[in-house]
C-alpha atoms as a PDB file:
ATOM      1  CA  MET A   1      -6.539 -48.994  22.129  1.00  0.00           C
ATOM      2  CA  LYS A   2      -8.396 -48.811  18.834  1.00  0.00           C
ATOM      3  CA  LYS A   3      -9.789 -45.394  19.832  1.00  0.00           C
ATOM      4  CA  ILE A   4      -6.277 -44.094  20.581  1.00  0.00           C
ATOM      5  CA  ASN A   5      -4.963 -45.323  17.231  1.00  0.00           C
ATOM      6  CA  TYR A   6      -7.957 -43.745  15.502  1.00  0.00           C
ATOM      7  CA  LEU A   7      -7.293 -40.393  17.176  1.00  0.00           C
ATOM      8  CA  ILE A   8      -3.608 -40.563  16.211  1.00  0.00           C
ATOM      9  CA  ILE A   9      -4.562 -41.183  12.577  1.00  0.00           C
ATOM     10  CA  ILE A  10      -6.969 -38.212  12.626  1.00  0.00           C
ATOM     11  CA  LEU A  11      -4.382 -35.889  14.178  1.00  0.00           C
ATOM     12  CA  PHE A  12      -1.701 -37.000  11.725  1.00  0.00           C
ATOM     13  CA  GLY A  13      -4.072 -36.454   8.829  1.00  0.00           C
ATOM     14  CA  PHE A  14      -4.967 -32.975  10.097  1.00  0.00           C
ATOM     15  CA  GLN A  15      -1.296 -32.007  10.460  1.00  0.00           C
ATOM     16  CA  SER A  16      -0.502 -33.312   6.966  1.00  0.00           C
ATOM     17  CA  ALA A  17      -3.416 -31.405   5.458  1.00  0.00           C
ATOM     18  CA  THR A  18      -2.309 -28.235   7.239  1.00  0.00           C
ATOM     19  CA  ALA A  19       1.259 -28.618   5.993  1.00  0.00           C
ATOM     20  CA  GLN A  20       0.052 -29.220   2.434  1.00  0.00           C
ATOM     21  CA  ALA A  21      -2.377 -26.316   2.532  1.00  0.00           C
ATOM     22  CA  GLY A  22       0.419 -23.826   2.080  1.00  0.00           C
ATOM     23  CA  ARG A  23       3.054 -21.756   3.787  1.00  0.00           C
ATOM     24  CA  PHE A  24       2.231 -19.292   6.510  1.00  0.00           C
ATOM     25  CA  ILE A  25       4.625 -16.349   6.666  1.00  0.00           C
ATOM     26  CA  THR A  26       4.840 -13.991   9.630  1.00  0.00           C
ATOM     27  CA  GLU A  27       7.873 -11.838   8.786  1.00  0.00           C
ATOM     28  CA  GLY A  28       9.881 -10.613   5.822  1.00  0.00           C
ATOM     29  CA  ARG A  29      10.190  -7.768   3.338  1.00  0.00           C
ATOM     30  CA  ILE A  30       8.090  -7.089   0.250  1.00  0.00           C
ATOM     31  CA  GLU A  31       9.067  -4.885  -2.676  1.00  0.00           C
ATOM     32  CA  PHE A  32       6.182  -2.952  -4.217  1.00  0.00           C
ATOM     33  CA  GLU A  33       6.199  -1.357  -7.664  1.00  0.00           C
ATOM     34  CA  ARG A  34       4.052   1.757  -7.914  1.00  0.00           C
ATOM     35  CA  LYS A  35       2.940   2.938 -11.345  1.00  0.00           C
ATOM     36  CA  LEU A  36       1.322   6.285 -12.081  1.00  0.00           C
ATOM     37  CA  ASN A  37      -0.136   6.890 -15.534  1.00  0.00           C
ATOM     38  CA  LEU A  38       1.358  10.260 -16.484  1.00  0.00           C
ATOM     39  CA  TYR A  39      -0.798  10.580 -19.583  1.00  0.00           C
ATOM     40  CA  SER A  40      -3.864  10.686 -17.329  1.00  0.00           C
ATOM     41  CA  GLN A  41      -2.590  13.987 -15.914  1.00  0.00           C
ATOM     42  CA  PHE A  42      -3.253  15.649 -19.287  1.00  0.00           C
ATOM     43  CA  THR A  43      -6.967  15.377 -19.971  1.00  0.00           C
ATOM     44  CA  ASP A  44      -7.273  18.426 -22.212  1.00  0.00           C
ATOM     45  CA  ASP A  45      -7.622  17.580 -25.878  1.00  0.00           C
ATOM     46  CA  ASN A  46      -5.177  20.070 -27.361  1.00  0.00           C
ATOM     47  CA  LEU A  47      -1.818  20.223 -29.120  1.00  0.00           C
ATOM     48  CA  TRP A  48       0.036  21.187 -25.917  1.00  0.00           C
ATOM     49  CA  SER A  49      -1.121  18.037 -24.131  1.00  0.00           C
ATOM     50  CA  ASP A  50      -0.259  15.919 -27.153  1.00  0.00           C
ATOM     51  CA  ASP A  51       3.246  17.388 -27.318  1.00  0.00           C
ATOM     52  CA  ILE A  52       3.842  16.717 -23.614  1.00  0.00           C
ATOM     53  CA  LYS A  53       2.738  13.093 -23.987  1.00  0.00           C
ATOM     54  CA  LYS A  54       5.174  12.598 -26.844  1.00  0.00           C
ATOM     55  CA  SER A  55       8.077  13.790 -24.688  1.00  0.00           C
ATOM     56  CA  ILE A  56       7.497  11.595 -21.602  1.00  0.00           C
ATOM     57  CA  PRO A  57       6.957   7.878 -20.917  1.00  0.00           C
ATOM     58  CA  LYS A  58       3.405   6.778 -20.218  1.00  0.00           C
ATOM     59  CA  PHE A  59       4.145   5.589 -16.675  1.00  0.00           C
ATOM     60  CA  LYS A  60       6.210   6.842 -13.770  1.00  0.00           C
ATOM     61  CA  THR A  61       7.515   3.866 -11.804  1.00  0.00           C
ATOM     62  CA  THR A  62       8.738   3.982  -8.206  1.00  0.00           C
ATOM     63  CA  TYR A  63       9.635   1.241  -5.738  1.00  0.00           C
ATOM     64  CA  TYR A  64       8.901   0.816  -2.031  1.00  0.00           C
ATOM     65  CA  ASN A  65       9.796  -1.722   0.645  1.00  0.00           C
ATOM     66  CA  LEU A  66       7.374  -3.036   3.243  1.00  0.00           C
ATOM     67  CA  SER A  67       8.997  -4.798   6.204  1.00  0.00           C
ATOM     68  CA  PHE A  68       6.638  -6.779   8.410  1.00  0.00           C
ATOM     69  CA  SER A  69       6.738  -8.923  11.513  1.00  0.00           C
ATOM     70  CA  ASN A  70       3.589 -10.330  13.067  1.00  0.00           C
ATOM     71  CA  ASN A  71       1.306  -7.271  13.347  1.00  0.00           C
ATOM     72  CA  LYS A  72       3.779  -4.461  12.669  1.00  0.00           C
ATOM     73  CA  THR A  73       4.724  -3.008   9.280  1.00  0.00           C
ATOM     74  CA  PHE A  74       7.176  -0.383   8.047  1.00  0.00           C
ATOM     75  CA  TYR A  75       6.761   1.139   4.566  1.00  0.00           C
ATOM     76  CA  GLN A  76       9.449   3.311   2.962  1.00  0.00           C
ATOM     77  CA  PRO A  77      10.914   4.289  -0.431  1.00  0.00           C
ATOM     78  CA  GLY A  78      12.940   1.508  -2.050  1.00  0.00           C
ATOM     79  CA  ARG A  79      15.442   1.289  -4.872  1.00  0.00           C
ATOM     80  CA  GLU A  80      15.729   4.194  -7.258  1.00  0.00           C
ATOM     81  CA  ILE A  81      15.741   3.935 -11.017  1.00  0.00           C
ATOM     82  CA  ALA A  82      17.482   6.296 -13.414  1.00  0.00           C
ATOM     83  CA  ASP A  83      15.599   9.026 -15.284  1.00  0.00           C
ATOM     84  CA  ASN A  84      12.460   8.634 -13.201  1.00  0.00           C
ATOM     85  CA  ASN A  85      10.665  11.815 -14.299  1.00  0.00           C
ATOM     86  CA  LYS A  86      11.439  13.833 -11.181  1.00  0.00           C
ATOM     87  CA  LEU A  87       9.888  16.773 -13.000  1.00  0.00           C
ATOM     88  CA  TRP A  88       6.498  15.093 -12.436  1.00  0.00           C
ATOM     89  CA  GLU A  89       6.723  15.003  -8.665  1.00  0.00           C
ATOM     90  CA  GLN A  90       3.515  14.074  -6.866  1.00  0.00           C
ATOM     91  CA  PRO A  91       2.594  14.800  -3.235  1.00  0.00           C
ATOM     92  CA  ALA A  92       3.587  12.132  -0.705  1.00  0.00           C
ATOM     93  CA  GLU A  93       5.748  10.083  -3.062  1.00  0.00           C
ATOM     94  CA  GLU A  94       8.340   9.649  -0.294  1.00  0.00           C
ATOM     95  CA  ASN A  95       5.991   8.394   2.408  1.00  0.00           C
ATOM     96  CA  ILE A  96       7.451   6.598   5.429  1.00  0.00           C
ATOM     97  CA  ILE A  97       4.754   4.760   7.384  1.00  0.00           C
ATOM     98  CA  TYR A  98       4.961   2.738  10.590  1.00  0.00           C
ATOM     99  CA  THR A  99       1.832   0.761  11.450  1.00  0.00           C
ATOM    100  CA  ASP A 100       0.998  -1.156  14.613  1.00  0.00           C
ATOM    101  CA  LEU A 101      -1.953  -3.294  13.592  1.00  0.00           C
ATOM    102  CA  ASN A 102      -2.592  -4.536  17.123  1.00  0.00           C
ATOM    103  CA  LYS A 103      -3.049  -0.972  18.358  1.00  0.00           C
ATOM    104  CA  HIS A 104      -4.740   0.147  15.105  1.00  0.00           C
ATOM    105  CA  GLN A 105      -2.326   3.075  14.919  1.00  0.00           C
ATOM    106  CA  SER A 106      -0.079   4.497  12.216  1.00  0.00           C
ATOM    107  CA  ILE A 107       2.637   7.148  12.177  1.00  0.00           C
ATOM    108  CA  SER A 108       3.311   8.641   8.736  1.00  0.00           C
ATOM    109  CA  GLN A 109       5.984  11.032   7.532  1.00  0.00           C
ATOM    110  CA  LYS A 110       4.722  12.746   4.380  1.00  0.00           C
ATOM    111  CA  LYS A 111       6.627  15.165   2.187  1.00  0.00           C
ATOM    112  CA  ILE A 112       4.145  17.298   0.285  1.00  0.00           C
ATOM    113  CA  PHE A 113       6.183  19.448  -2.044  1.00  0.00           C
ATOM    114  CA  GLU A 114       8.297  21.738   0.187  1.00  0.00           C
ATOM    115  CA  LYS A 115       6.601  20.772   3.492  1.00  0.00           C
ATOM    116  CA  THR A 116       6.954  17.673   5.690  1.00  0.00           C
ATOM    117  CA  PHE A 117       4.175  16.437   7.971  1.00  0.00           C
ATOM    118  CA  LEU A 118       4.212  13.859  10.766  1.00  0.00           C
ATOM    119  CA  ILE A 119       0.783  12.249  10.978  1.00  0.00           C
ATOM    120  CA  THR A 120      -0.223  10.163  13.992  1.00  0.00           C
ATOM    121  CA  ASP A 121      -3.685   8.646  13.798  1.00  0.00           C
ATOM    122  CA  SER A 122      -5.699   5.455  13.865  1.00  0.00           C
ATOM    123  CA  THR A 123      -5.435   3.141  10.876  1.00  0.00           C
ATOM    124  CA  ARG A 124      -7.907   3.803   8.096  1.00  0.00           C
ATOM    125  CA  LYS A 125     -11.177   1.904   8.504  1.00  0.00           C
ATOM    126  CA  ILE A 126     -12.002   0.329   5.159  1.00  0.00           C
ATOM    127  CA  ASN A 127     -15.267  -1.498   4.480  1.00  0.00           C
ATOM    128  CA  TRP A 128     -13.877  -4.233   2.232  1.00  0.00           C
ATOM    129  CA  LYS A 129     -16.113  -6.471   0.143  1.00  0.00           C
ATOM    130  CA  ILE A 130     -14.296  -9.727  -0.634  1.00  0.00           C
ATOM    131  CA  THR A 131     -15.026 -11.405  -3.981  1.00  0.00           C
ATOM    132  CA  ASP A 132     -14.267 -14.813  -5.509  1.00  0.00           C
ATOM    133  CA  GLU A 133     -11.867 -13.414  -8.125  1.00  0.00           C
ATOM    134  CA  LYS A 134      -8.272 -14.593  -7.761  1.00  0.00           C
ATOM    135  CA  LYS A 135      -4.955 -13.385  -9.145  1.00  0.00           C
ATOM    136  CA  ASN A 136      -1.355 -14.569  -8.826  1.00  0.00           C
ATOM    137  CA  ILE A 137       0.954 -11.840  -7.545  1.00  0.00           C
ATOM    138  CA  ALA A 138       4.651 -12.455  -6.845  1.00  0.00           C
ATOM    139  CA  GLY A 139       4.007 -16.194  -6.640  1.00  0.00           C
ATOM    140  CA  PHE A 140       1.064 -15.943  -4.229  1.00  0.00           C
ATOM    141  CA  GLU A 141      -2.559 -16.727  -4.956  1.00  0.00           C
ATOM    142  CA  CYS A 142      -4.483 -13.617  -3.982  1.00  0.00           C
ATOM    143  CA  ARG A 143      -8.174 -12.877  -3.604  1.00  0.00           C
ATOM    144  CA  ARG A 144      -9.810  -9.656  -4.731  1.00  0.00           C
ATOM    145  CA  ALA A 145     -11.571  -7.183  -2.449  1.00  0.00           C
ATOM    146  CA  ASN A 146     -13.229  -3.870  -3.346  1.00  0.00           C
ATOM    147  CA  ALA A 147     -13.896  -0.730  -1.333  1.00  0.00           C
ATOM    148  CA  ILE A 148     -14.569   2.999  -1.425  1.00  0.00           C
ATOM    149  CA  ILE A 149     -12.273   5.262   0.614  1.00  0.00           C
ATOM    150  CA  MET A 150     -12.302   9.011   1.218  1.00  0.00           C
ATOM    151  CA  ASP A 151     -15.954   9.062   0.042  1.00  0.00           C
ATOM    152  CA  SER A 152     -15.159   8.698  -3.657  1.00  0.00           C
ATOM    153  CA  ILE A 153     -11.982   6.707  -4.387  1.00  0.00           C
ATOM    154  CA  TYR A 154     -12.713   3.214  -5.735  1.00  0.00           C
ATOM    155  CA  VAL A 155     -10.125   0.669  -4.562  1.00  0.00           C
ATOM    156  CA  VAL A 156      -9.376  -2.791  -5.913  1.00  0.00           C
ATOM    157  CA  ALA A 157      -7.067  -4.847  -3.688  1.00  0.00           C
ATOM    158  CA  PHE A 158      -5.654  -8.358  -3.796  1.00  0.00           C
ATOM    159  CA  TYR A 159      -4.549 -10.116  -0.607  1.00  0.00           C
ATOM    160  CA  THR A 160      -3.010 -13.454   0.326  1.00  0.00           C
ATOM    161  CA  ASP A 161      -3.729 -15.387   3.517  1.00  0.00           C
ATOM    162  CA  GLU A 162      -0.343 -17.115   3.172  1.00  0.00           C
ATOM    163  CA  ILE A 163       1.186 -13.969   4.704  1.00  0.00           C
ATOM    164  CA  ILE A 164      -0.642 -13.612   7.996  1.00  0.00           C
ATOM    165  CA  THR A 165       0.128  -9.939   8.723  1.00  0.00           C
ATOM    166  CA  PRO A 166      -3.022  -7.996   7.650  1.00  0.00           C
ATOM    167  CA  GLY A 167      -1.092  -5.024   6.253  1.00  0.00           C
ATOM    168  CA  GLY A 168      -0.317  -3.572   2.858  1.00  0.00           C
ATOM    169  CA  PRO A 169       1.251  -0.657   0.973  1.00  0.00           C
ATOM    170  CA  GLU A 170       0.547   2.918   2.080  1.00  0.00           C
ATOM    171  CA  SER A 171      -2.550   3.019   4.346  1.00  0.00           C
ATOM    172  CA  PHE A 172      -4.243  -0.074   2.905  1.00  0.00           C
ATOM    173  CA  THR A 173      -4.901  -2.642   5.658  1.00  0.00           C
ATOM    174  CA  GLY A 174      -7.741  -4.622   7.186  1.00  0.00           C
ATOM    175  CA  LEU A 175      -8.007  -7.744   5.038  1.00  0.00           C
ATOM    176  CA  PRO A 176      -7.435 -11.316   6.343  1.00  0.00           C
ATOM    177  CA  GLY A 177      -3.849 -11.398   5.079  1.00  0.00           C
ATOM    178  CA  MET A 178      -1.218  -9.242   3.402  1.00  0.00           C
ATOM    179  CA  ILE A 179      -2.339  -6.972   0.561  1.00  0.00           C
ATOM    180  CA  LEU A 180      -0.007  -7.571  -2.405  1.00  0.00           C
ATOM    181  CA  GLY A 181      -1.831  -5.515  -5.016  1.00  0.00           C
ATOM    182  CA  VAL A 182      -3.806  -2.264  -5.057  1.00  0.00           C
ATOM    183  CA  ALA A 183      -5.337  -0.432  -7.998  1.00  0.00           C
ATOM    184  CA  LEU A 184      -7.117   2.916  -7.992  1.00  0.00           C
ATOM    185  CA  PRO A 185      -8.649   2.789 -11.495  1.00  0.00           C
ATOM    186  CA  HIS A 186      -9.984   6.357 -11.598  1.00  0.00           C
ATOM    187  CA  GLU A 187      -6.761   7.802 -10.129  1.00  0.00           C
ATOM    188  CA  HIS A 188      -4.648   5.718 -12.538  1.00  0.00           C
ATOM    189  CA  ILE A 189      -2.310   4.413  -9.811  1.00  0.00           C
ATOM    190  CA  THR A 190      -1.318   0.838  -8.950  1.00  0.00           C
ATOM    191  CA  TRP A 191       0.883  -0.853  -6.351  1.00  0.00           C
ATOM    192  CA  PHE A 192       1.898  -4.466  -6.964  1.00  0.00           C
ATOM    193  CA  ALA A 193       4.352  -6.667  -5.090  1.00  0.00           C
ATOM    194  CA  THR A 194       7.276  -7.795  -7.234  1.00  0.00           C
ATOM    195  CA  LYS A 195       8.960 -10.151  -4.759  1.00  0.00           C
ATOM    196  CA  LEU A 196       9.032 -11.344  -1.167  1.00  0.00           C
ATOM    197  CA  PHE A 197      12.296 -11.571   0.765  1.00  0.00           C
ATOM    198  CA  THR A 198      11.945 -14.131   3.568  1.00  0.00           C
ATOM    199  CA  VAL A 199      14.415 -12.434   5.885  1.00  0.00           C
ATOM    200  CA  PRO A 200      14.346 -11.983   9.660  1.00  0.00           C
ATOM    201  CA  VAL A 201      12.914  -8.630  10.736  1.00  0.00           C
ATOM    202  CA  LYS A 202      14.162  -7.141  13.990  1.00  0.00           C
ATOM    203  CA  GLU A 203      12.430  -4.595  16.198  1.00  0.00           C
ATOM    204  CA  THR A 204      15.134  -2.076  15.214  1.00  0.00           C
ATOM    205  CA  ASP A 205      14.019  -2.377  11.573  1.00  0.00           C
ATOM    206  CA  PHE A 206      10.817  -0.546  12.499  1.00  0.00           C
ATOM    207  CA  LYS A 207      12.155   2.999  12.479  1.00  0.00           C
ATOM    208  CA  ILE A 208       9.292   5.147  13.699  1.00  0.00           C
ATOM    209  CA  PRO A 209       9.174   8.429  11.700  1.00  0.00           C
ATOM    210  CA  THR A 210       9.996  11.585  13.668  1.00  0.00           C
ATOM    211  CA  LYS A 211      10.332  14.454  11.169  1.00  0.00           C
ATOM    212  CA  GLY A 212       7.685  16.978  10.219  1.00  0.00           C
ATOM    213  CA  LYS A 213       4.906  19.131  11.582  1.00  0.00           C
ATOM    214  CA  LYS A 214       2.833  17.021  13.980  1.00  0.00           C
ATOM    215  CA  MET A 215      -0.895  16.587  13.351  1.00  0.00           C
ATOM    216  CA  ASN A 216      -3.605  14.013  12.644  1.00  0.00           C
ATOM    217  CA  ASN A 217      -5.341  13.222   9.350  1.00  0.00           C
ATOM    218  CA  ALA A 218      -8.202  15.662   9.941  1.00  0.00           C
ATOM    219  CA  ALA A 219      -5.759  18.523  10.528  1.00  0.00           C
ATOM    220  CA  LEU A 220      -3.751  17.537   7.448  1.00  0.00           C
ATOM    221  CA  LYS A 221      -6.908  17.605   5.342  1.00  0.00           C
ATOM    222  CA  GLU A 222      -7.682  21.147   6.497  1.00  0.00           C
ATOM    223  CA  SER A 223      -4.087  22.256   5.905  1.00  0.00           C
ATOM    224  CA  LEU A 224      -4.141  20.884   2.349  1.00  0.00           C
ATOM    225  CA  LYS A 225      -7.493  22.524   1.656  1.00  0.00           C
ATOM    226  CA  GLU A 226      -5.915  25.874   2.441  1.00  0.00           C
ATOM    227  CA  SER A 227      -2.626  25.168   0.650  1.00  0.00           C
ATOM    228  CA  PHE A 228      -4.275  24.063  -2.602  1.00  0.00           C
ATOM    229  CA  SER A 229      -7.100  26.628  -2.580  1.00  0.00           C
ATOM    230  CA  ASP A 230      -5.789  28.387  -5.693  1.00  0.00           C
ATOM    231  CA  TRP A 231      -4.567  25.322  -7.619  1.00  0.00           C
ATOM    232  CA  GLY A 232      -7.683  25.088  -9.770  1.00  0.00           C
ATOM    233  CA  LYS A 233      -8.481  21.708 -11.317  1.00  0.00           C
ATOM    234  CA  TYR A 234      -5.256  20.185  -9.955  1.00  0.00           C
ATOM    235  CA  ALA A 235      -6.226  20.793  -6.314  1.00  0.00           C
ATOM    236  CA  ASP A 236      -8.488  17.767  -5.905  1.00  0.00           C
ATOM    237  CA  ARG A 237      -5.977  15.425  -7.540  1.00  0.00           C
ATOM    238  CA  PHE A 238      -3.097  16.561  -5.338  1.00  0.00           C
ATOM    239  CA  LYS A 239      -5.179  16.459  -2.143  1.00  0.00           C
ATOM    240  CA  LYS A 240      -6.253  12.889  -2.842  1.00  0.00           C
ATOM    241  CA  ALA A 241      -2.664  11.825  -3.541  1.00  0.00           C
ATOM    242  CA  ALA A 242      -1.468  13.389  -0.289  1.00  0.00           C
ATOM    243  CA  LEU A 243      -4.185  11.778   1.838  1.00  0.00           C
ATOM    244  CA  LEU A 244      -3.877   8.192   0.597  1.00  0.00           C
END
């Protein structure tokens, strides 16, 4: 009898510790704020660049929504804000991305200037290195991870294990929890969660993209190489933005 009571006490203590350890979220919607440093687009030290900087805000801000349920995510443009510098349009700013993390597959609809592409491929394999640094994002304690993608792009990400789905904004996945923050320091772009909506997510909320010229990421890379062949110093920047 004493052994049974002892086991009950242990089990109760384990359940209490688990409950106190934190919430574990499997579905909902996250709003992400994306910031692009417009001043970084003008690296030439001349009067023309200085005049342009004086006429525009330093950052272009756009919002996106990421719906998630278990191991599926759906990323799409969110609320619009007035006077959002549409003159400074970047490739793939209107990305719509469906990701099935169980199947390691994503379907992306990307508008790259006047063309639309439908990309079906495996999810990006990212060799994350998790650190001990922590940061609070949208009320969640997040841990930092670093990586290099596309051979040269340095990525800093912050994820929380309180949201079990191992997804994130754009093509960033593969950490033990939801990615709530991403920074590309050398590309001067960040994505950070502003809030979590704990709402039910139905299967019909995952609207698989269907528009655009069908191809995979390798074919898109070749297509962009040809399209931007005469864009000079801007070619590399635009290709990277389109392939994220």
